[in-house]
């Protein structure tokens, strides 16, 4: 019975935490406009999440890297690996600017971008 009571208490706390949202009934003072735009609508929150970890911004400053755009030369299928380096899509005709530490022309050194393969 004791375990059942404890389980029900934990379950009810979890459900109440999931079902509540913080709302504000505060009205703006006269002369002030209410700002209804959210971070998601402006894109600011999303942009800050992907800095250093997306194909168009690859290279985390926490790793001492300057972000690069893996797609800047047209490789729309390039992606960022571990917020560290670009991986180019060879099947689409792209390779790293130079051979990498992985002896690959698909997986680039940090700071290197994807360029079209020249015949």
N, C-alpha and C. Protein backbone atom coordinates (compact mmCIF):
# COMPACT_ATOMS: atom_id res chain seq x y z
N UNK A 1 0.82 -1.19 0.00
CA UNK A 1 0.00 0.00 0.00
C UNK A 1 0.86 1.25 0.00
N UNK A 2 1.94 1.20 0.74
CA UNK A 2 2.86 2.33 0.83
C UNK A 2 3.50 2.61 -0.53
N UNK A 3 3.90 1.56 -1.24
CA UNK A 3 4.51 1.70 -2.55
C UNK A 3 3.50 2.25 -3.55
N UNK A 4 2.26 1.79 -3.47
CA UNK A 4 1.21 2.27 -4.37
C UNK A 4 0.97 3.76 -4.15
N UNK A 5 0.92 4.18 -2.89
CA UNK A 5 0.70 5.61 -2.58
C UNK A 5 1.84 6.45 -3.11
N UNK A 6 3.05 6.00 -2.93
CA UNK A 6 4.23 6.72 -3.41
C UNK A 6 4.24 6.79 -4.93
N UNK A 7 3.88 5.69 -5.59
CA UNK A 7 3.82 5.65 -7.05
C UNK A 7 2.78 6.62 -7.58
N UNK A 8 1.60 6.64 -6.95
CA UNK A 8 0.54 7.57 -7.37
C UNK A 8 0.96 9.02 -7.16
N UNK A 9 1.66 9.31 -6.10
CA UNK A 9 2.13 10.66 -5.84
C UNK A 9 3.12 11.10 -6.92
N UNK A 10 4.07 10.25 -7.23
CA UNK A 10 5.06 10.56 -8.26
C UNK A 10 4.40 10.73 -9.62
N UNK A 11 3.46 9.87 -9.93
CA UNK A 11 2.74 9.95 -11.20
C UNK A 11 1.94 11.24 -11.30
N UNK A 12 1.26 11.61 -10.23
CA UNK A 12 0.46 12.84 -10.27
C UNK A 12 1.35 14.08 -10.38
N UNK A 13 2.51 14.07 -9.73
CA UNK A 13 3.45 15.19 -9.85
C UNK A 13 3.99 15.30 -11.28
N UNK A 14 4.30 14.17 -11.87
CA UNK A 14 4.82 14.17 -13.24
C UNK A 14 3.77 14.68 -14.22
N UNK A 15 2.54 14.22 -14.07
CA UNK A 15 1.46 14.66 -14.96
C UNK A 15 1.16 16.14 -14.78
N UNK A 16 1.18 16.62 -13.56
CA UNK A 16 0.89 18.04 -13.34
C UNK A 16 2.00 18.91 -13.90
N UNK A 17 3.24 18.44 -13.85
CA UNK A 17 4.36 19.21 -14.41
C UNK A 17 4.29 19.25 -15.93
N UNK A 18 3.87 18.16 -16.55
CA UNK A 18 3.76 18.11 -18.01
C UNK A 18 2.60 18.93 -18.53
N UNK A 19 1.57 19.04 -17.79
CA UNK A 19 0.35 19.69 -18.27
C UNK A 19 0.27 21.17 -17.96
N UNK A 20 1.24 21.72 -17.26
CA UNK A 20 1.15 23.13 -16.93
C UNK A 20 2.02 23.95 -17.85
N UNK A 21 1.55 25.14 -18.14
CA UNK A 21 2.32 26.09 -18.92
C UNK A 21 2.30 27.39 -18.16
N UNK A 22 3.42 28.07 -18.19
CA UNK A 22 3.50 29.35 -17.51
C UNK A 22 2.80 30.39 -18.36
N UNK A 23 1.82 31.04 -17.82
CA UNK A 23 1.12 32.08 -18.55
C UNK A 23 1.18 33.35 -17.74
N UNK A 24 1.04 34.44 -18.43
CA UNK A 24 1.06 35.72 -17.76
C UNK A 24 -0.24 36.45 -18.05
N UNK A 25 -0.91 36.86 -16.98
CA UNK A 25 -2.14 37.62 -17.12
C UNK A 25 -1.85 39.11 -17.04
N UNK A 26 -0.58 39.46 -16.89
CA UNK A 26 -0.22 40.87 -16.74
C UNK A 26 -0.53 41.62 -18.02
N UNK A 27 -1.16 42.74 -17.89
CA UNK A 27 -1.50 43.60 -19.01
C UNK A 27 -0.43 44.68 -19.12
N UNK A 28 -0.10 45.08 -20.35
CA UNK A 28 0.87 46.15 -20.48
C UNK A 28 0.30 47.45 -19.94
N UNK A 29 1.19 48.24 -19.36
CA UNK A 29 0.75 49.53 -18.84
C UNK A 29 0.33 50.41 -19.99
N UNK A 30 -0.47 51.42 -19.69
CA UNK A 30 -0.96 52.29 -20.76
C UNK A 30 0.21 52.93 -21.48
N UNK A 31 0.10 52.99 -22.80
CA UNK A 31 1.17 53.56 -23.61
C UNK A 31 2.17 52.53 -24.09
N UNK A 32 2.20 51.32 -23.49
CA UNK A 32 3.12 50.27 -23.91
C UNK A 32 2.42 49.32 -24.88
N UNK A 33 3.17 48.82 -25.83
CA UNK A 33 2.61 47.81 -26.73
C UNK A 33 3.02 46.45 -26.24
N UNK A 34 2.13 45.50 -26.39
CA UNK A 34 2.42 44.14 -25.98
C UNK A 34 3.17 43.44 -27.10
N UNK A 35 4.29 42.82 -26.79
CA UNK A 35 5.09 42.10 -27.78
C UNK A 35 4.64 40.65 -27.81
N UNK A 36 4.03 40.24 -28.91
CA UNK A 36 3.52 38.86 -29.02
C UNK A 36 4.44 37.99 -29.86
N UNK A 37 5.53 38.54 -30.34
CA UNK A 37 6.46 37.77 -31.17
C UNK A 37 7.34 36.92 -30.27
N UNK A 38 7.49 35.64 -30.62
CA UNK A 38 8.30 34.73 -29.81
C UNK A 38 9.65 34.54 -30.46
N UNK A 39 10.58 33.94 -29.72
CA UNK A 39 11.91 33.69 -30.27
C UNK A 39 11.84 32.77 -31.49
N UNK A 40 10.93 31.79 -31.47
CA UNK A 40 10.79 30.87 -32.59
C UNK A 40 10.36 31.61 -33.85
N UNK A 41 9.46 32.59 -33.68
CA UNK A 41 8.99 33.33 -34.84
C UNK A 41 10.09 34.20 -35.45
N UNK A 42 10.98 34.71 -34.63
CA UNK A 42 12.04 35.57 -35.14
C UNK A 42 13.22 34.75 -35.67
N UNK A 43 13.32 33.50 -35.23
CA UNK A 43 14.42 32.65 -35.68
C UNK A 43 15.67 32.81 -34.82
N UNK A 44 15.69 33.77 -33.88
CA UNK A 44 16.89 34.00 -33.08
C UNK A 44 17.29 32.76 -32.29
N UNK A 45 16.32 32.10 -31.68
CA UNK A 45 16.61 30.93 -30.87
C UNK A 45 17.15 29.80 -31.73
N UNK A 46 16.54 29.57 -32.89
CA UNK A 46 16.97 28.50 -33.77
C UNK A 46 18.37 28.77 -34.32
N UNK A 47 18.65 30.00 -34.71
CA UNK A 47 19.96 30.34 -35.24
C UNK A 47 21.05 30.10 -34.20
N UNK A 48 20.81 30.48 -32.95
CA UNK A 48 21.83 30.32 -31.93
C UNK A 48 22.08 28.85 -31.61
N UNK A 49 21.08 28.01 -31.79
CA UNK A 49 21.24 26.58 -31.54
C UNK A 49 22.16 25.95 -32.58
N UNK A 50 22.06 26.40 -33.84
CA UNK A 50 22.79 25.76 -34.92
C UNK A 50 24.14 26.39 -35.25
N UNK A 51 24.54 27.44 -34.58
CA UNK A 51 25.83 28.05 -34.86
C UNK A 51 26.92 27.04 -34.54
N UNK A 52 27.73 26.71 -35.54
CA UNK A 52 28.82 25.77 -35.36
C UNK A 52 28.45 24.32 -35.56
N UNK A 53 27.16 24.01 -35.74
CA UNK A 53 26.76 22.61 -35.84
C UNK A 53 25.86 22.31 -37.03
N UNK A 54 25.78 23.22 -37.98
CA UNK A 54 24.94 23.00 -39.15
C UNK A 54 25.80 23.08 -40.41
N UNK A 55 25.30 22.59 -41.54
CA UNK A 55 26.09 22.64 -42.77
C UNK A 55 26.52 24.06 -43.17
N UNK A 56 25.72 25.05 -42.82
CA UNK A 56 26.06 26.42 -43.19
C UNK A 56 26.87 27.14 -42.11
N UNK A 57 27.10 26.49 -40.99
CA UNK A 57 27.91 27.04 -39.90
C UNK A 57 28.52 25.88 -39.14
N UNK A 58 29.64 25.37 -39.65
CA UNK A 58 30.25 24.16 -39.10
C UNK A 58 31.59 24.48 -38.45
N UNK A 59 31.67 24.27 -37.17
CA UNK A 59 32.89 24.52 -36.42
C UNK A 59 32.56 25.22 -35.12
N UNK A 60 32.60 24.51 -34.03
CA UNK A 60 32.22 25.06 -32.72
C UNK A 60 33.32 25.93 -32.15
N UNK A 61 32.94 27.12 -31.71
CA UNK A 61 33.90 28.01 -31.07
C UNK A 61 34.45 27.40 -29.79
N UNK A 62 33.67 26.52 -29.15
CA UNK A 62 34.14 25.87 -27.91
C UNK A 62 35.30 24.91 -28.20
N UNK A 63 35.47 24.53 -29.47
CA UNK A 63 36.59 23.69 -29.88
C UNK A 63 37.71 24.53 -30.48
N UNK A 64 37.57 25.85 -30.38
CA UNK A 64 38.59 26.76 -30.91
C UNK A 64 38.52 26.92 -32.42
N UNK A 65 37.34 26.67 -33.01
CA UNK A 65 37.19 26.71 -34.46
C UNK A 65 36.37 27.91 -34.89
N UNK A 66 36.66 28.40 -36.06
CA UNK A 66 35.86 29.44 -36.71
C UNK A 66 34.88 28.71 -37.63
N UNK A 67 33.57 28.90 -37.47
CA UNK A 67 32.60 28.19 -38.31
C UNK A 67 32.79 28.49 -39.80
N UNK A 68 32.63 27.45 -40.63
CA UNK A 68 32.69 27.58 -42.09
C UNK A 68 31.37 27.10 -42.68
N UNK A 69 31.10 27.49 -43.91
CA UNK A 69 29.89 27.07 -44.63
C UNK A 69 30.26 25.93 -45.56
N UNK A 70 29.89 24.70 -45.18
CA UNK A 70 30.21 23.51 -45.99
C UNK A 70 29.55 23.58 -47.36
N UNK A 71 28.45 24.30 -47.46
CA UNK A 71 27.66 24.35 -48.70
C UNK A 71 28.00 25.53 -49.60
N UNK A 72 28.96 26.35 -49.23
CA UNK A 72 29.21 27.61 -49.93
C UNK A 72 29.57 27.45 -51.41
N UNK A 73 30.04 26.29 -51.83
CA UNK A 73 30.39 26.06 -53.23
C UNK A 73 29.36 25.19 -53.95
N UNK A 74 28.17 25.04 -53.34
CA UNK A 74 27.07 24.35 -54.01
C UNK A 74 26.72 22.96 -53.52
N UNK A 75 27.45 22.41 -52.56
CA UNK A 75 27.15 21.06 -52.06
C UNK A 75 25.99 21.12 -51.05
N UNK A 76 24.77 21.04 -51.57
CA UNK A 76 23.58 21.17 -50.71
C UNK A 76 23.37 19.97 -49.79
N UNK A 77 24.05 18.86 -50.05
CA UNK A 77 23.91 17.66 -49.21
C UNK A 77 25.08 17.47 -48.24
N UNK A 78 25.99 18.43 -48.18
CA UNK A 78 27.09 18.36 -47.21
C UNK A 78 26.50 18.49 -45.81
N UNK A 79 27.20 17.93 -44.83
CA UNK A 79 26.74 18.08 -43.44
C UNK A 79 27.91 18.26 -42.51
N UNK A 80 27.60 18.68 -41.30
CA UNK A 80 28.62 18.98 -40.29
C UNK A 80 28.74 17.79 -39.34
N UNK A 81 29.97 17.35 -39.09
CA UNK A 81 30.23 16.20 -38.22
C UNK A 81 30.76 16.69 -36.88
N UNK A 82 30.06 16.36 -35.81
CA UNK A 82 30.47 16.67 -34.43
C UNK A 82 30.76 18.15 -34.20
N UNK A 83 30.08 19.05 -34.90
CA UNK A 83 30.33 20.50 -34.78
C UNK A 83 31.81 20.80 -35.00
N UNK A 84 32.44 20.01 -35.87
CA UNK A 84 33.88 20.07 -36.01
C UNK A 84 34.34 20.20 -37.46
N UNK A 85 33.76 19.40 -38.36
CA UNK A 85 34.25 19.41 -39.74
C UNK A 85 33.15 19.00 -40.72
N UNK A 86 33.36 19.36 -41.98
CA UNK A 86 32.39 19.08 -43.04
C UNK A 86 32.55 17.66 -43.59
N UNK A 87 31.44 17.10 -44.05
CA UNK A 87 31.45 15.84 -44.78
C UNK A 87 30.77 16.14 -46.11
N UNK A 88 31.52 15.97 -47.21
CA UNK A 88 31.04 16.33 -48.55
C UNK A 88 30.34 15.15 -49.21
N UNK A 89 29.46 15.46 -50.14
CA UNK A 89 28.72 14.41 -50.86
C UNK A 89 29.40 14.12 -52.19
N UNK A 90 30.29 13.13 -52.17
CA UNK A 90 31.04 12.74 -53.37
C UNK A 90 30.11 12.24 -54.47
N UNK A 91 29.02 11.60 -54.09
CA UNK A 91 28.06 11.09 -55.07
C UNK A 91 27.43 12.23 -55.88
N UNK A 92 27.41 13.43 -55.29
CA UNK A 92 26.88 14.60 -55.98
C UNK A 92 27.98 15.41 -56.67
N UNK A 93 29.22 14.90 -56.62
CA UNK A 93 30.33 15.57 -57.31
C UNK A 93 31.10 16.58 -56.48
N UNK A 94 31.17 16.37 -55.15
CA UNK A 94 31.89 17.31 -54.29
C UNK A 94 32.93 16.58 -53.45
N UNK A 95 33.99 17.31 -53.09
CA UNK A 95 35.07 16.78 -52.26
C UNK A 95 35.62 17.90 -51.39
N UNK A 96 36.47 17.54 -50.44
CA UNK A 96 37.12 18.53 -49.59
C UNK A 96 38.12 19.34 -50.40
N UNK A 97 38.41 20.54 -49.91
CA UNK A 97 39.39 21.39 -50.58
C UNK A 97 40.76 20.72 -50.66
N UNK A 98 41.09 19.93 -49.65
CA UNK A 98 42.37 19.21 -49.64
C UNK A 98 42.18 17.89 -48.90
N UNK A 99 43.14 16.98 -49.09
CA UNK A 99 43.04 15.69 -48.40
C UNK A 99 43.09 15.92 -46.90
N UNK A 100 42.27 15.19 -46.18
CA UNK A 100 42.16 15.41 -44.74
C UNK A 100 43.02 14.45 -43.93
N UNK A 101 42.99 14.64 -42.64
CA UNK A 101 43.71 13.76 -41.71
C UNK A 101 43.16 12.34 -41.73
N UNK A 102 41.96 12.17 -42.32
CA UNK A 102 41.35 10.85 -42.43
C UNK A 102 41.65 10.23 -43.79
N UNK A 103 42.59 10.79 -44.55
CA UNK A 103 42.94 10.34 -45.90
C UNK A 103 41.68 10.16 -46.76
N UNK A 104 40.83 11.15 -46.70
CA UNK A 104 39.57 11.10 -47.41
C UNK A 104 39.32 12.44 -48.06
N UNK A 105 38.64 12.42 -49.19
CA UNK A 105 38.24 13.67 -49.83
C UNK A 105 36.77 13.97 -49.55
N UNK A 106 36.13 13.12 -48.73
CA UNK A 106 34.75 13.37 -48.34
C UNK A 106 34.67 13.99 -46.94
N UNK A 107 35.48 13.50 -46.02
CA UNK A 107 35.49 14.00 -44.65
C UNK A 107 36.66 14.95 -44.49
N UNK A 108 36.34 16.22 -44.31
CA UNK A 108 37.34 17.29 -44.36
C UNK A 108 37.99 17.59 -43.01
N UNK A 109 39.13 18.25 -43.08
CA UNK A 109 39.76 18.80 -41.87
C UNK A 109 38.90 19.95 -41.37
N UNK A 110 38.94 20.23 -40.08
CA UNK A 110 38.22 21.40 -39.57
C UNK A 110 38.65 22.66 -40.31
N UNK A 111 37.68 23.48 -40.70
CA UNK A 111 37.96 24.72 -41.42
C UNK A 111 37.97 24.59 -42.92
N UNK A 112 37.94 23.37 -43.42
CA UNK A 112 37.93 23.11 -44.87
C UNK A 112 36.49 22.95 -45.34
N UNK A 113 36.19 23.38 -46.57
CA UNK A 113 34.84 23.29 -47.09
C UNK A 113 34.80 22.32 -48.30
N UNK A 114 33.61 22.10 -48.81
CA UNK A 114 33.39 21.20 -49.94
C UNK A 114 33.41 21.99 -51.26
N UNK A 115 34.14 21.45 -52.22
CA UNK A 115 34.22 22.09 -53.54
C UNK A 115 33.86 21.07 -54.62
N UNK A 116 33.48 21.53 -55.81
CA UNK A 116 33.17 20.59 -56.89
C UNK A 116 34.42 19.78 -57.28
N UNK A 117 34.22 18.50 -57.61
CA UNK A 117 35.32 17.65 -58.08
C UNK A 117 35.66 18.08 -59.50
N UNK A 118 36.93 18.36 -59.74
CA UNK A 118 37.36 18.73 -61.08
C UNK A 118 37.85 17.49 -61.81
N UNK A 119 37.45 17.38 -63.06
CA UNK A 119 37.86 16.21 -63.87
C UNK A 119 39.29 16.32 -64.31
